[in-house]
C-alpha atoms as a PDB file:
ATOM      1  CA  MET A   1      73.831 143.102  88.953  1.00  0.00           C
ATOM      2  CA  VAL A   2      75.212 142.095  92.829  1.00  0.00           C
ATOM      3  CA  SER A   3      71.748 139.744  92.981  1.00  0.00           C
ATOM      4  CA  LYS A   4      73.210 137.848  90.149  1.00  0.00           C
ATOM      5  CA  TRP A   5      76.854 137.539  90.697  1.00  0.00           C
ATOM      6  CA  LEU A   6      75.892 136.478  94.125  1.00  0.00           C
ATOM      7  CA  SER A   7      73.155 133.771  92.656  1.00  0.00           C
ATOM      8  CA  ALA A   8      75.929 132.422  90.592  1.00  0.00           C
ATOM      9  CA  THR A   9      78.308 132.312  93.606  1.00  0.00           C
ATOM     10  CA  SER A  10      75.557 130.217  95.908  1.00  0.00           C
ATOM     11  CA  ILE A  11      75.201 128.111  92.970  1.00  0.00           C
ATOM     12  CA  LEU A  12      79.019 127.243  92.345  1.00  0.00           C
ATOM     13  CA  ILE A  13      79.589 127.021  96.197  1.00  0.00           C
ATOM     14  CA  ALA A  14      76.554 124.517  96.600  1.00  0.00           C
ATOM     15  CA  LEU A  15      77.734 122.278  93.380  1.00  0.00           C
ATOM     16  CA  LEU A  16      81.026 122.318  95.464  1.00  0.00           C
ATOM     17  CA  ILE A  17      79.968 121.250  98.360  1.00  0.00           C
ATOM     18  CA  SER A  18      77.629 118.339  96.825  1.00  0.00           C
ATOM     19  CA  VAL A  19      80.761 117.206  94.909  1.00  0.00           C
ATOM     20  CA  GLY A  20      82.886 117.398  97.665  1.00  0.00           C
ATOM     21  CA  CYS A  21      81.018 115.536 100.062  1.00  0.00           C
ATOM     22  CA  SER A  22      80.009 112.454  97.840  1.00  0.00           C
ATOM     23  CA  ASP A  23      80.285 109.510  99.087  1.00  0.00           C
ATOM     24  CA  GLN A  24      80.588 107.638  95.387  1.00  0.00           C
ATOM     25  CA  GLU A  25      84.372 106.101  95.212  1.00  0.00           C
ATOM     26  CA  VAL A  26      86.427 107.190  91.921  1.00  0.00           C
ATOM     27  CA  GLU A  27      87.095 104.477  89.271  1.00  0.00           C
ATOM     28  CA  GLY A  28      90.256 103.107  89.877  1.00  0.00           C
ATOM     29  CA  SER A  29      91.493 104.615  93.072  1.00  0.00           C
ATOM     30  CA  PRO A  30      92.775 102.096  95.430  1.00  0.00           C
ATOM     31  CA  ASP A  31      90.796 100.631  98.208  1.00  0.00           C
ATOM     32  CA  ILE A  32      92.931  99.830 101.111  1.00  0.00           C
ATOM     33  CA  ASP A  33      90.694  97.706 102.835  1.00  0.00           C
ATOM     34  CA  LYS A  34      91.284  94.785 100.883  1.00  0.00           C
ATOM     35  CA  VAL A  35      95.001  94.905 101.840  1.00  0.00           C
ATOM     36  CA  ASP A  36      95.895  91.609 102.811  1.00  0.00           C
ATOM     37  CA  THR A  37      96.840  91.793 106.171  1.00  0.00           C
ATOM     38  CA  GLU A  38      99.138  88.866 105.873  1.00  0.00           C
ATOM     39  CA  ASP A  39     100.920  89.424 102.916  1.00  0.00           C
ATOM     40  CA  ALA A  40     101.648  93.701 103.497  1.00  0.00           C
ATOM     41  CA  MET A  41     103.073  94.903 106.582  1.00  0.00           C
ATOM     42  CA  ILE A  42     100.630  98.045 107.129  1.00  0.00           C
ATOM     43  CA  THR A  43     102.527  99.800 109.711  1.00  0.00           C
ATOM     44  CA  PRO A  44     106.058  99.825 110.447  1.00  0.00           C
ATOM     45  CA  PRO A  45     108.409  96.855 111.160  1.00  0.00           C
ATOM     46  CA  HIS A  46     108.581  96.275 115.231  1.00  0.00           C
ATOM     47  CA  LEU A  47     112.292  96.691 116.360  1.00  0.00           C
ATOM     48  CA  ILE A  48     113.597  94.735 119.625  1.00  0.00           C
ATOM     49  CA  VAL A  49     116.260  95.588 121.198  1.00  0.00           C
ATOM     50  CA  HIS A  50     117.969  92.417 123.134  1.00  0.00           C
ATOM     51  CA  ILE A  51     120.825  93.939 125.789  1.00  0.00           C
ATOM     52  CA  GLY A  52     122.346  91.164 127.791  1.00  0.00           C
ATOM     53  CA  GLU A  53     119.378  89.334 129.189  1.00  0.00           C
ATOM     54  CA  GLU A  54     117.249  92.068 128.954  1.00  0.00           C
ATOM     55  CA  THR A  55     114.639  92.677 125.597  1.00  0.00           C
ATOM     56  CA  VAL A  56     113.205  96.172 125.251  1.00  0.00           C
ATOM     57  CA  THR A  57     110.074  96.634 122.387  1.00  0.00           C
ATOM     58  CA  ALA A  58     111.726 100.522 120.630  1.00  0.00           C
ATOM     59  CA  GLU A  59     108.659 103.017 120.597  1.00  0.00           C
ATOM     60  CA  VAL A  60     107.981 103.822 117.287  1.00  0.00           C
ATOM     61  CA  GLY A  61     108.333 108.057 116.151  1.00  0.00           C
ATOM     62  CA  ALA A  62     108.061 109.134 113.007  1.00  0.00           C
ATOM     63  CA  TYR A  63     107.748 107.704 109.781  1.00  0.00           C
ATOM     64  CA  SER A  64     107.033 107.482 106.067  1.00  0.00           C
ATOM     65  CA  TRP A  65     105.964 103.376 105.316  1.00  0.00           C
ATOM     66  CA  THR A  66     104.299 102.198 101.939  1.00  0.00           C
ATOM     67  CA  VAL A  67     102.286  99.481 101.034  1.00  0.00           C
ATOM     68  CA  ASP A  68     102.074  97.580  98.081  1.00  0.00           C
ATOM     69  CA  LEU A  69      98.381  96.894  97.520  1.00  0.00           C
ATOM     70  CA  GLY A  70      99.138  94.019  94.561  1.00  0.00           C
ATOM     71  CA  ASP A  71      96.918  95.424  92.398  1.00  0.00           C
ATOM     72  CA  GLY A  72      99.886  98.515  90.561  1.00  0.00           C
ATOM     73  CA  ASN A  73      98.637 100.997  93.526  1.00  0.00           C
ATOM     74  CA  TYR A  74     100.491 101.462  96.932  1.00  0.00           C
ATOM     75  CA  VAL A  75      99.725 103.684  99.899  1.00  0.00           C
ATOM     76  CA  THR A  76     102.058 105.824 101.636  1.00  0.00           C
ATOM     77  CA  THR A  77     101.514 106.530 105.476  1.00  0.00           C
ATOM     78  CA  VAL A  78     103.230 109.606 106.866  1.00  0.00           C
ATOM     79  CA  VAL A  79     102.954 109.851 110.408  1.00  0.00           C
ATOM     80  CA  ASP A  80     105.047 113.140 112.506  1.00  0.00           C
ATOM     81  CA  ALA A  81     105.982 112.478 115.968  1.00  0.00           C
ATOM     82  CA  ALA A  82     107.812 113.860 119.298  1.00  0.00           C
ATOM     83  CA  GLY A  83     111.251 113.707 119.056  1.00  0.00           C
ATOM     84  CA  PRO A  84     112.906 110.531 120.881  1.00  0.00           C
ATOM     85  CA  HIS A  85     113.948 112.653 123.740  1.00  0.00           C
ATOM     86  CA  ASP A  86     109.797 113.826 124.383  1.00  0.00           C
ATOM     87  CA  ILE A  87     108.660 110.309 123.215  1.00  0.00           C
ATOM     88  CA  VAL A  88     110.949 108.067 125.963  1.00  0.00           C
ATOM     89  CA  LYS A  89     108.819 110.938 128.809  1.00  0.00           C
ATOM     90  CA  MET A  90     106.282 107.866 128.866  1.00  0.00           C
ATOM     91  CA  ILE A  91     108.355 105.122 129.029  1.00  0.00           C
ATOM     92  CA  GLU A  92     110.531 104.038 132.350  1.00  0.00           C
ATOM     93  CA  PRO A  93     113.720 103.628 131.591  1.00  0.00           C
ATOM     94  CA  THR A  94     115.052  99.555 131.007  1.00  0.00           C
ATOM     95  CA  PRO A  95     117.731  99.077 133.639  1.00  0.00           C
ATOM     96  CA  VAL A  96     120.869  97.303 131.985  1.00  0.00           C
ATOM     97  CA  ASP A  97     124.709  96.243 132.811  1.00  0.00           C
ATOM     98  CA  GLY A  98     126.903  98.659 130.876  1.00  0.00           C
ATOM     99  CA  ASP A  99     129.096  95.546 129.828  1.00  0.00           C
ATOM    100  CA  ALA A 100     126.176  93.947 128.494  1.00  0.00           C
ATOM    101  CA  ASN A 101     126.032  92.577 124.627  1.00  0.00           C
ATOM    102  CA  VAL A 102     123.996  94.924 122.448  1.00  0.00           C
ATOM    103  CA  SER A 103     122.200  93.506 119.123  1.00  0.00           C
ATOM    104  CA  LEU A 104     119.055  95.257 117.273  1.00  0.00           C
ATOM    105  CA  GLU A 105     116.174  92.650 115.902  1.00  0.00           C
ATOM    106  CA  PHE A 106     114.017  93.876 113.366  1.00  0.00           C
ATOM    107  CA  GLU A 107     110.823  92.618 112.090  1.00  0.00           C
ATOM    108  CA  GLU A 108     111.882  93.394 108.782  1.00  0.00           C
ATOM    109  CA  GLU A 109     115.711  94.291 108.255  1.00  0.00           C
ATOM    110  CA  PRO A 110     116.322  97.411 107.073  1.00  0.00           C
ATOM    111  CA  LEU A 111     118.506  98.125 104.226  1.00  0.00           C
ATOM    112  CA  SER A 112     120.516 100.798 106.331  1.00  0.00           C
ATOM    113  CA  TYR A 113     119.866 102.270 110.225  1.00  0.00           C
ATOM    114  CA  THR A 114     121.879 104.851 112.359  1.00  0.00           C
ATOM    115  CA  VAL A 115     121.707 104.977 115.965  1.00  0.00           C
ATOM    116  CA  LYS A 116     121.981 108.580 117.857  1.00  0.00           C
ATOM    117  CA  ILE A 117     122.050 109.771 121.301  1.00  0.00           C
ATOM    118  CA  TRP A 118     120.063 112.759 122.129  1.00  0.00           C
ATOM    119  CA  ASP A 119     120.436 114.639 125.406  1.00  0.00           C
ATOM    120  CA  GLU A 120     117.068 115.882 127.547  1.00  0.00           C
ATOM    121  CA  TYR A 121     117.275 118.717 125.773  1.00  0.00           C
ATOM    122  CA  GLY A 122     116.472 117.478 122.506  1.00  0.00           C
ATOM    123  CA  ASN A 123     119.497 117.574 120.992  1.00  0.00           C
ATOM    124  CA  VAL A 124     121.892 115.104 119.358  1.00  0.00           C
ATOM    125  CA  THR A 125     124.876 114.509 121.010  1.00  0.00           C
ATOM    126  CA  SER A 126     126.609 111.343 118.770  1.00  0.00           C
ATOM    127  CA  GLU A 127     125.788 109.518 115.858  1.00  0.00           C
ATOM    128  CA  SER A 128     126.958 105.549 114.922  1.00  0.00           C
ATOM    129  CA  GLN A 129     126.345 102.254 113.334  1.00  0.00           C
ATOM    130  CA  GLU A 130     125.737 100.996 116.555  1.00  0.00           C
ATOM    131  CA  ILE A 131     124.462 101.026 119.999  1.00  0.00           C
ATOM    132  CA  GLU A 132     126.884 101.710 122.256  1.00  0.00           C
ATOM    133  CA  LEU A 133     126.500 101.918 126.368  1.00  0.00           C
ATOM    134  CA  PRO A 134     128.365 104.563 128.172  1.00  0.00           C
ATOM    135  CA  ASP A 135     129.254 103.501 131.940  1.00  0.00           C
ATOM    136  CA  GLN A 136     126.170 104.398 133.483  1.00  0.00           C
ATOM    137  CA  GLY A 137     123.107 106.669 133.259  1.00  0.00           C
ATOM    138  CA  GLU A 138     120.329 107.567 131.466  1.00  0.00           C
ATOM    139  CA  VAL A 139     120.354 107.464 127.565  1.00  0.00           C
ATOM    140  CA  ILE A 140     118.063 108.229 124.991  1.00  0.00           C
ATOM    141  CA  TYR A 141     118.935 106.580 121.936  1.00  0.00           C
ATOM    142  CA  GLU A 142     117.104 107.008 118.511  1.00  0.00           C
ATOM    143  CA  VAL A 143     116.921 104.174 115.481  1.00  0.00           C
ATOM    144  CA  LEU A 144     116.639 105.563 112.430  1.00  0.00           C
ATOM    145  CA  ALA A 145     116.335 102.817 110.257  1.00  0.00           C
ATOM    146  CA  SER A 146     115.554 102.848 106.300  1.00  0.00           C
ATOM    147  CA  TRP A 147     114.065 100.731 103.376  1.00  0.00           C
ATOM    148  CA  GLU A 148     113.885 100.972  99.834  1.00  0.00           C
ATOM    149  CA  SER A 149     111.507 103.649  99.993  1.00  0.00           C
ATOM    150  CA  ASP A 150     110.559 103.908 103.464  1.00  0.00           C
ATOM    151  CA  THR A 151     111.521 104.935 106.938  1.00  0.00           C
ATOM    152  CA  VAL A 152     110.979 104.622 110.373  1.00  0.00           C
ATOM    153  CA  SER A 153     112.694 106.330 113.748  1.00  0.00           C
ATOM    154  CA  TYR A 154     112.523 104.134 117.137  1.00  0.00           C
ATOM    155  CA  ALA A 155     113.112 105.572 120.499  1.00  0.00           C
ATOM    156  CA  ILE A 156     114.897 103.420 123.599  1.00  0.00           C
ATOM    157  CA  LEU A 157     115.691 104.828 127.080  1.00  0.00           C
ATOM    158  CA  LEU A 158     118.129 102.934 129.029  1.00  0.00           C
ATOM    159  CA  SER A 159     119.236 103.246 132.559  1.00  0.00           C
ATOM    160  CA  VAL A 160     123.044 102.013 132.258  1.00  0.00           C
ATOM    161  CA  GLU A 161     124.437 100.505 135.702  1.00  0.00           C
END
């Protein structure tokens, strides 16, 4: 009895492994390799921050980004990342003048965005609709941008002088 059960289980496992490891394409499944990269934005848009004479490219953090394959199929990529306070530990702060004008330039304009200020311990200390520069000191900003079905977190580290 045990040997019959063991044989049946072994056959079932072998069958599952052979089907699961098959390299055959499922009919009707989207082919991400056929995306026209000139028409579809595969990764989230870049964010450039203009602060007076300085230009800073924001670091992309966590995001959810969807690509229309043009054949009725969509591919969504969801990426988790460290919080903005950890992301900026790997970059040098950009020195800026506290009186400078600040503007955000998205590669693709979002429907909305929120600007958060983080402390070095990972706490959000304020939230607004624009980057407000303090009198002085290092500041960690997160710009959380939203499109129709997509969301991207950007991190920026400034040293206000």
